[in-house]
Amino acid sequence: MKFLHSFLEERAFGVCSKLGERLGISSGVIRMYFIYTSFLTFGSPILVYLVLAFWLNIRKYLRRQNDFVKDF
């Protein structure tokens, strides 16, 4: 079970983990806030989560592209 948890943390979007690192809060606490606010507001934080996930992936892509250009 621990392997599955760590695999999903590394391979999934990583939004909660990244926010946890930035804010100094456990990623589990941030996940719970997403879940609770999603129930209370009928799913609108899911849109925020997806936008943040998209932004993180774009940043990774831009960093890789920038590193690739520096190598030449």
Protein backbone atom coordinates (compact mmCIF):
# COMPACT_ATOMS: atom_id res chain seq x y z
CA MET A 1 0.00 0.00 0.00
CA LYS A 2 2.86 2.35 0.80
CA PHE A 3 4.34 1.72 -2.65
CA LEU A 4 1.06 2.67 -4.32
CA HIS A 5 0.83 5.85 -2.25
CA SER A 6 4.38 6.96 -3.10
CA PHE A 7 3.92 6.03 -6.76
CA LEU A 8 0.78 8.15 -7.05
CA GLU A 9 2.44 11.05 -5.21
CA GLU A 10 5.34 11.09 -7.66
CA ARG A 11 3.50 10.31 -10.88
CA ALA A 12 0.23 12.15 -10.36
CA PHE A 13 -0.12 15.87 -10.81
CA GLY A 14 1.60 16.71 -7.53
CA VAL A 15 -0.46 19.81 -6.85
CA CYS A 16 -1.05 19.06 -3.18
CA SER A 17 2.56 18.06 -2.64
CA LYS A 18 3.86 21.21 -4.28
CA LEU A 19 1.47 23.43 -2.31
CA GLY A 20 2.46 21.62 0.86
CA GLU A 21 6.13 22.26 0.20
CA ARG A 22 5.54 25.93 -0.54
CA LEU A 23 3.27 26.55 2.44
CA GLY A 24 4.99 24.22 4.90
CA ILE A 25 1.83 22.16 5.43
CA SER A 26 1.34 18.42 5.09
CA SER A 27 0.04 17.40 1.67
CA GLY A 28 -2.56 15.20 3.39
CA VAL A 29 -4.07 18.24 5.08
CA ILE A 30 -4.27 20.08 1.78
CA ARG A 31 -5.96 17.08 0.15
CA MET A 32 -8.54 16.99 2.92
CA TYR A 33 -9.27 20.70 2.42
CA PHE A 34 -9.77 20.08 -1.30
CA ILE A 35 -12.16 17.23 -0.54
CA TYR A 36 -14.17 19.13 2.07
CA THR A 37 -14.44 22.30 0.03
CA SER A 38 -15.42 20.27 -3.03
CA PHE A 39 -18.35 18.79 -1.13
CA LEU A 40 -19.39 22.16 0.28
CA THR A 41 -19.12 24.09 -2.96
CA PHE A 42 -20.32 21.40 -5.36
CA GLY A 43 -16.97 20.70 -6.99
CA SER A 44 -15.60 24.14 -7.84
CA PRO A 45 -12.19 23.48 -6.16
CA ILE A 46 -11.71 20.64 -8.62
CA LEU A 47 -11.46 23.26 -11.35
CA VAL A 48 -8.82 25.10 -9.31
CA TYR A 49 -6.94 21.83 -8.83
CA LEU A 50 -6.98 21.08 -12.56
CA VAL A 51 -5.77 24.59 -13.43
CA LEU A 52 -2.91 24.25 -10.93
CA ALA A 53 -2.03 20.81 -12.32
CA PHE A 54 -1.98 22.24 -15.84
CA TRP A 55 0.24 25.11 -14.71
CA LEU A 56 2.72 22.77 -13.00
CA ASN A 57 2.98 20.59 -16.10
CA ILE A 58 3.54 23.64 -18.32
CA ARG A 59 6.30 24.83 -15.99
CA LYS A 60 7.99 21.40 -16.15
CA TYR A 61 7.79 21.45 -19.94
CA LEU A 62 9.24 24.96 -20.16
CA ARG A 63 12.09 24.07 -17.80
CA ARG A 64 12.96 20.98 -19.83
CA GLN A 65 12.86 22.98 -23.04
CA ASN A 66 15.03 25.69 -21.51
CA ASP A 67 17.56 23.11 -20.29
CA PHE A 68 17.59 21.51 -23.73
CA VAL A 69 18.34 24.86 -25.40
CA LYS A 70 21.17 25.59 -22.94
CA ASP A 71 22.86 22.31 -23.86
CA PHE A 72 23.35 23.46 -27.45
